[in-house]
């Protein structure tokens, strides 16, 4: 659907398109926040998997109750740390994704005037 531009009075020059919701600098900050969040998710996943593997290897070989308690405490600490990293990566990723959102507009090819689409 094409509309007439009210700014330059040219007929059928406005076309439906998407533009960034924020300026280029803010979008660059969004990319800077988004990329480390993926790395953080990977680190949290690896930390969780290594904690589970280490606990699974130590628990059967533990010979006394204090050794089993130490393995359980190590699992809780490792699990908590991986959840901590994962939550902060999720928050950073969501913030970065929100900064990269686009909005739907009508833009004039001739003068660049923008009208919001409903």
C-alpha atoms as a PDB file:
ATOM      1  CA  UNK A   1       0.000   0.000   0.000  1.00  0.00           C
ATOM      2  CA  UNK A   2       1.351   3.402  -0.958  1.00  0.00           C
ATOM      3  CA  UNK A   3       0.256   6.737   0.434  1.00  0.00           C
ATOM      4  CA  UNK A   4       0.593  10.338  -0.679  1.00  0.00           C
ATOM      5  CA  UNK A   5       3.297  12.280   1.139  1.00  0.00           C
ATOM      6  CA  UNK A   6       2.011  15.313   3.054  1.00  0.00           C
ATOM      7  CA  UNK A   7       5.475  16.852   3.414  1.00  0.00           C
ATOM      8  CA  UNK A   8       6.574  17.005  -0.246  1.00  0.00           C
ATOM      9  CA  UNK A   9       3.084  16.569  -1.812  1.00  0.00           C
ATOM     10  CA  UNK A  10       4.222  13.771  -4.109  1.00  0.00           C
ATOM     11  CA  UNK A  11       1.567  11.153  -4.929  1.00  0.00           C
ATOM     12  CA  UNK A  12       2.030   7.489  -3.951  1.00  0.00           C
ATOM     13  CA  UNK A  13       5.569   7.974  -2.674  1.00  0.00           C
ATOM     14  CA  UNK A  14       5.171   6.584   0.858  1.00  0.00           C
ATOM     15  CA  UNK A  15       5.918   2.876   1.196  1.00  0.00           C
ATOM     16  CA  UNK A  16       5.503   0.608   4.229  1.00  0.00           C
ATOM     17  CA  UNK A  17       8.904  -0.253   5.711  1.00  0.00           C
ATOM     18  CA  UNK A  18      10.714  -0.901   8.981  1.00  0.00           C
ATOM     19  CA  UNK A  19      13.236   1.439  10.613  1.00  0.00           C
ATOM     20  CA  UNK A  20      15.246   1.199  13.790  1.00  0.00           C
ATOM     21  CA  UNK A  21      13.450   2.273  16.940  1.00  0.00           C
ATOM     22  CA  UNK A  22      16.586   3.951  18.309  1.00  0.00           C
ATOM     23  CA  UNK A  23      19.587   5.795  16.888  1.00  0.00           C
ATOM     24  CA  UNK A  24      22.656   4.043  15.518  1.00  0.00           C
ATOM     25  CA  UNK A  25      24.681   4.602  18.681  1.00  0.00           C
ATOM     26  CA  UNK A  26      22.018   3.014  20.883  1.00  0.00           C
ATOM     27  CA  UNK A  27      21.704   0.099  18.443  1.00  0.00           C
ATOM     28  CA  UNK A  28      25.489  -0.396  18.616  1.00  0.00           C
ATOM     29  CA  UNK A  29      25.210  -0.551  22.410  1.00  0.00           C
ATOM     30  CA  UNK A  30      22.478  -3.181  21.937  1.00  0.00           C
ATOM     31  CA  UNK A  31      24.846  -5.305  19.824  1.00  0.00           C
ATOM     32  CA  UNK A  32      27.584  -4.843  22.432  1.00  0.00           C
ATOM     33  CA  UNK A  33      25.176  -6.142  25.101  1.00  0.00           C
ATOM     34  CA  UNK A  34      23.748  -8.956  22.991  1.00  0.00           C
ATOM     35  CA  UNK A  35      26.954 -10.680  21.886  1.00  0.00           C
ATOM     36  CA  UNK A  36      28.430 -11.215  25.393  1.00  0.00           C
ATOM     37  CA  UNK A  37      25.093 -12.579  26.578  1.00  0.00           C
ATOM     38  CA  UNK A  38      25.441 -15.503  24.148  1.00  0.00           C
ATOM     39  CA  UNK A  39      28.946 -16.123  25.475  1.00  0.00           C
ATOM     40  CA  UNK A  40      27.585 -15.932  29.032  1.00  0.00           C
ATOM     41  CA  UNK A  41      24.925 -18.537  28.246  1.00  0.00           C
ATOM     42  CA  UNK A  42      27.588 -20.828  26.814  1.00  0.00           C
ATOM     43  CA  UNK A  43      29.810 -20.391  29.884  1.00  0.00           C
ATOM     44  CA  UNK A  44      26.873 -21.004  32.240  1.00  0.00           C
ATOM     45  CA  UNK A  45      25.942 -24.166  30.348  1.00  0.00           C
ATOM     46  CA  UNK A  46      29.496 -25.490  30.354  1.00  0.00           C
ATOM     47  CA  UNK A  47      29.873 -24.686  34.037  1.00  0.00           C
ATOM     48  CA  UNK A  48      26.623 -26.492  34.843  1.00  0.00           C
ATOM     49  CA  UNK A  49      27.586 -29.557  32.788  1.00  0.00           C
ATOM     50  CA  UNK A  50      31.049 -29.716  34.340  1.00  0.00           C
ATOM     51  CA  UNK A  51      29.531 -29.413  37.832  1.00  0.00           C
ATOM     52  CA  UNK A  52      27.128 -32.276  37.152  1.00  0.00           C
ATOM     53  CA  UNK A  53      29.891 -34.479  35.702  1.00  0.00           C
ATOM     54  CA  UNK A  54      32.284 -33.740  38.575  1.00  0.00           C
ATOM     55  CA  UNK A  55      29.613 -34.436  41.182  1.00  0.00           C
ATOM     56  CA  UNK A  56      28.577 -37.664  39.437  1.00  0.00           C
ATOM     57  CA  UNK A  57      32.200 -38.844  39.484  1.00  0.00           C
ATOM     58  CA  UNK A  58      32.866 -37.901  43.124  1.00  0.00           C
ATOM     59  CA  UNK A  59      29.650 -39.087  44.822  1.00  0.00           C
ATOM     60  CA  UNK A  60      30.055 -42.848  44.161  1.00  0.00           C
ATOM     61  CA  UNK A  61      33.705 -42.808  45.261  1.00  0.00           C
ATOM     62  CA  UNK A  62      33.091 -40.794  48.460  1.00  0.00           C
ATOM     63  CA  UNK A  63      33.938 -43.029  51.404  1.00  0.00           C
ATOM     64  CA  UNK A  64      32.524 -40.996  54.273  1.00  0.00           C
ATOM     65  CA  UNK A  65      29.639 -38.673  55.018  1.00  0.00           C
ATOM     66  CA  UNK A  66      31.829 -35.522  55.059  1.00  0.00           C
ATOM     67  CA  UNK A  67      33.102 -36.356  51.566  1.00  0.00           C
ATOM     68  CA  UNK A  68      29.535 -36.758  50.305  1.00  0.00           C
ATOM     69  CA  UNK A  69      28.511 -33.531  52.018  1.00  0.00           C
ATOM     70  CA  UNK A  70      31.452 -31.734  50.403  1.00  0.00           C
ATOM     71  CA  UNK A  71      30.447 -33.039  46.982  1.00  0.00           C
ATOM     72  CA  UNK A  72      26.851 -31.930  47.572  1.00  0.00           C
ATOM     73  CA  UNK A  73      27.985 -28.480  48.698  1.00  0.00           C
ATOM     74  CA  UNK A  74      30.224 -28.222  45.635  1.00  0.00           C
ATOM     75  CA  UNK A  75      27.270 -29.101  43.431  1.00  0.00           C
ATOM     76  CA  UNK A  76      25.083 -26.448  45.064  1.00  0.00           C
ATOM     77  CA  UNK A  77      27.782 -23.794  44.669  1.00  0.00           C
ATOM     78  CA  UNK A  78      28.444 -24.736  41.033  1.00  0.00           C
ATOM     79  CA  UNK A  79      24.749 -24.872  40.212  1.00  0.00           C
ATOM     80  CA  UNK A  80      24.137 -21.499  41.903  1.00  0.00           C
ATOM     81  CA  UNK A  81      27.036 -19.871  40.077  1.00  0.00           C
ATOM     82  CA  UNK A  82      25.859 -21.184  36.700  1.00  0.00           C
ATOM     83  CA  UNK A  83      22.328 -19.926  37.390  1.00  0.00           C
ATOM     84  CA  UNK A  84      23.774 -16.540  38.431  1.00  0.00           C
ATOM     85  CA  UNK A  85      25.720 -16.230  35.166  1.00  0.00           C
ATOM     86  CA  UNK A  86      22.702 -17.419  33.151  1.00  0.00           C
ATOM     87  CA  UNK A  87      20.308 -14.914  34.731  1.00  0.00           C
ATOM     88  CA  UNK A  88      22.621 -11.964  34.159  1.00  0.00           C
ATOM     89  CA  UNK A  89      23.246 -13.114  30.585  1.00  0.00           C
ATOM     90  CA  UNK A  90      19.485 -13.309  30.062  1.00  0.00           C
ATOM     91  CA  UNK A  91      18.988  -9.778  31.392  1.00  0.00           C
ATOM     92  CA  UNK A  92      21.786  -8.409  29.203  1.00  0.00           C
ATOM     93  CA  UNK A  93      20.482 -10.275  26.168  1.00  0.00           C
ATOM     94  CA  UNK A  94      16.942  -8.983  26.643  1.00  0.00           C
ATOM     95  CA  UNK A  95      18.185  -5.423  27.050  1.00  0.00           C
ATOM     96  CA  UNK A  96      20.338  -5.719  23.932  1.00  0.00           C
ATOM     97  CA  UNK A  97      17.453  -7.241  21.967  1.00  0.00           C
ATOM     98  CA  UNK A  98      15.116  -4.424  23.049  1.00  0.00           C
ATOM     99  CA  UNK A  99      17.637  -1.853  21.840  1.00  0.00           C
ATOM    100  CA  UNK A 100      17.720  -3.538  18.411  1.00  0.00           C
ATOM    101  CA  UNK A 101      13.953  -3.563  17.806  1.00  0.00           C
ATOM    102  CA  UNK A 102      12.476  -2.053  14.654  1.00  0.00           C
ATOM    103  CA  UNK A 103       9.254  -0.117  14.184  1.00  0.00           C
ATOM    104  CA  UNK A 104       6.827  -0.215  11.268  1.00  0.00           C
ATOM    105  CA  UNK A 105       6.442   3.087   9.412  1.00  0.00           C
ATOM    106  CA  UNK A 106       5.521   4.626   6.100  1.00  0.00           C
ATOM    107  CA  UNK A 107       8.558   6.358   4.568  1.00  0.00           C
ATOM    108  CA  UNK A 108       8.592   8.731   1.603  1.00  0.00           C
ATOM    109  CA  UNK A 109      11.093   7.750  -1.085  1.00  0.00           C
ATOM    110  CA  UNK A 110      11.470  11.327  -2.192  1.00  0.00           C
ATOM    111  CA  UNK A 111      11.893  13.388   0.987  1.00  0.00           C
ATOM    112  CA  UNK A 112      12.392  10.739   3.701  1.00  0.00           C
ATOM    113  CA  UNK A 113       9.397  11.839   5.780  1.00  0.00           C
ATOM    114  CA  UNK A 114       8.135   9.180   8.204  1.00  0.00           C
ATOM    115  CA  UNK A 115       4.594   8.422   9.417  1.00  0.00           C
ATOM    116  CA  UNK A 116       3.902   5.744  12.053  1.00  0.00           C
ATOM    117  CA  UNK A 117       1.876   2.728  10.984  1.00  0.00           C
ATOM    118  CA  UNK A 118      -0.948   1.603  13.242  1.00  0.00           C
END
